[in-house]
Amino acid sequence: MAVKAMRTVRPWFFEQDGGWYVQCRYGARVIAADGTNNAVFVKSLDEVAAVLDAFLNAAAAGELDAAITKVAERQPRLKPGAAKAAANA
């Protein structure tokens, strides 16, 4: 039986530290835009649209393909201590 359910869409930007942080997302996962940082800081809400446009242009040009591929890969879930136990075995 198919059931329709509402999903929460998280915003790509939030206010903190006297400015706005803008994140690029792939689904619910945050992409490290420059390889190390996962957000871009801007001083005003008006600049958020420019950053989102830059993310859109980068995605269209294929510049985010490697970052999306890295984020899209599922990592195996290990129970706490399992990696340590496997290393000691």
Protein backbone atom coordinates (compact mmCIF):
# COMPACT_ATOMS: atom_id res chain seq x y z
CA MET A 1 0.00 0.00 0.00
CA ALA A 2 1.46 3.36 -1.01
CA VAL A 3 1.21 6.11 1.55
CA LYS A 4 1.85 9.79 0.92
CA ALA A 5 3.72 11.53 3.70
CA MET A 6 4.96 15.08 4.09
CA ARG A 7 8.72 15.49 4.24
CA THR A 8 10.60 18.26 5.94
CA VAL A 9 12.83 20.25 3.62
CA ARG A 10 15.78 21.71 5.45
CA PRO A 11 16.96 25.17 4.43
CA TRP A 12 20.32 25.53 2.76
CA PHE A 13 21.21 28.59 4.84
CA PHE A 14 21.07 29.63 8.49
CA GLU A 15 21.91 32.68 10.59
CA GLN A 16 24.82 32.51 13.01
CA ASP A 17 27.84 34.59 14.11
CA GLY A 18 26.38 37.88 12.85
CA GLY A 19 25.91 36.63 9.30
CA TRP A 20 24.54 33.78 7.21
CA TYR A 21 26.05 30.39 6.43
CA VAL A 22 25.05 28.79 3.11
CA GLN A 23 25.48 25.04 2.58
CA CYS A 24 25.30 23.04 -0.62
CA ARG A 25 23.29 19.84 -0.18
CA TYR A 26 22.75 16.59 -2.03
CA GLY A 27 19.48 15.33 -0.61
CA ALA A 28 19.87 15.52 3.15
CA ARG A 29 23.67 15.39 3.03
CA VAL A 30 25.88 18.46 3.11
CA ILE A 31 28.54 18.72 0.41
CA ALA A 32 31.97 20.13 1.22
CA ALA A 33 31.91 22.88 -1.39
CA ASP A 34 35.66 23.56 -1.49
CA GLY A 35 36.79 20.16 -0.25
CA THR A 36 37.25 21.12 3.40
CA ASN A 37 34.53 23.56 4.46
CA ASN A 38 30.86 22.66 4.26
CA ALA A 39 29.48 26.22 4.33
CA VAL A 40 30.07 29.66 2.84
CA PHE A 41 29.76 32.67 5.17
CA VAL A 42 28.12 35.88 3.95
CA LYS A 43 27.35 39.05 5.91
CA SER A 44 23.80 39.75 4.68
CA LEU A 45 20.75 37.81 3.60
CA ASP A 46 20.88 39.53 0.19
CA GLU A 47 24.18 37.75 -0.59
CA VAL A 48 22.67 34.28 0.02
CA ALA A 49 20.99 34.29 -3.41
CA ALA A 50 24.34 34.99 -5.10
CA VAL A 51 25.96 32.04 -3.33
CA LEU A 52 23.06 29.74 -4.28
CA ASP A 53 23.43 30.89 -7.91
CA ALA A 54 27.15 30.11 -7.73
CA PHE A 55 26.32 26.58 -6.44
CA LEU A 56 23.82 26.15 -9.29
CA ASN A 57 26.36 27.25 -11.91
CA ALA A 58 29.06 24.99 -10.41
CA ALA A 59 26.69 22.01 -10.50
CA ALA A 60 25.72 22.75 -14.11
CA ALA A 61 29.40 22.98 -15.09
CA GLY A 62 30.17 19.65 -13.40
CA GLU A 63 32.47 21.13 -10.78
CA LEU A 64 30.58 19.44 -7.92
CA ASP A 65 30.46 15.96 -9.48
CA ALA A 66 33.37 14.58 -7.45
CA ALA A 67 32.00 15.99 -4.18
CA ILE A 68 28.51 14.61 -4.93
CA THR A 69 29.94 11.18 -5.74
CA LYS A 70 31.88 11.16 -2.48
CA VAL A 71 28.82 12.14 -0.43
CA ALA A 72 26.49 9.75 -2.27
CA GLU A 73 28.55 6.68 -1.37
CA ARG A 74 27.12 4.83 1.59
CA GLN A 75 29.58 4.25 4.41
CA PRO A 76 29.25 0.97 6.32
CA ARG A 77 27.86 1.48 9.79
CA LEU A 78 29.97 0.03 12.54
CA LYS A 79 28.86 -0.45 16.09
CA PRO A 80 30.86 1.54 18.67
CA GLY A 81 34.08 -0.31 19.36
CA ALA A 82 33.73 -2.64 16.36
CA ALA A 83 36.56 -0.98 14.43
CA LYS A 84 38.82 -1.17 17.46
CA ALA A 85 37.97 -4.84 18.01
CA ALA A 86 38.60 -5.63 14.34
CA ALA A 87 41.97 -3.90 14.50
CA ASN A 88 42.99 -5.91 17.57
CA ALA A 89 41.92 -9.26 16.07
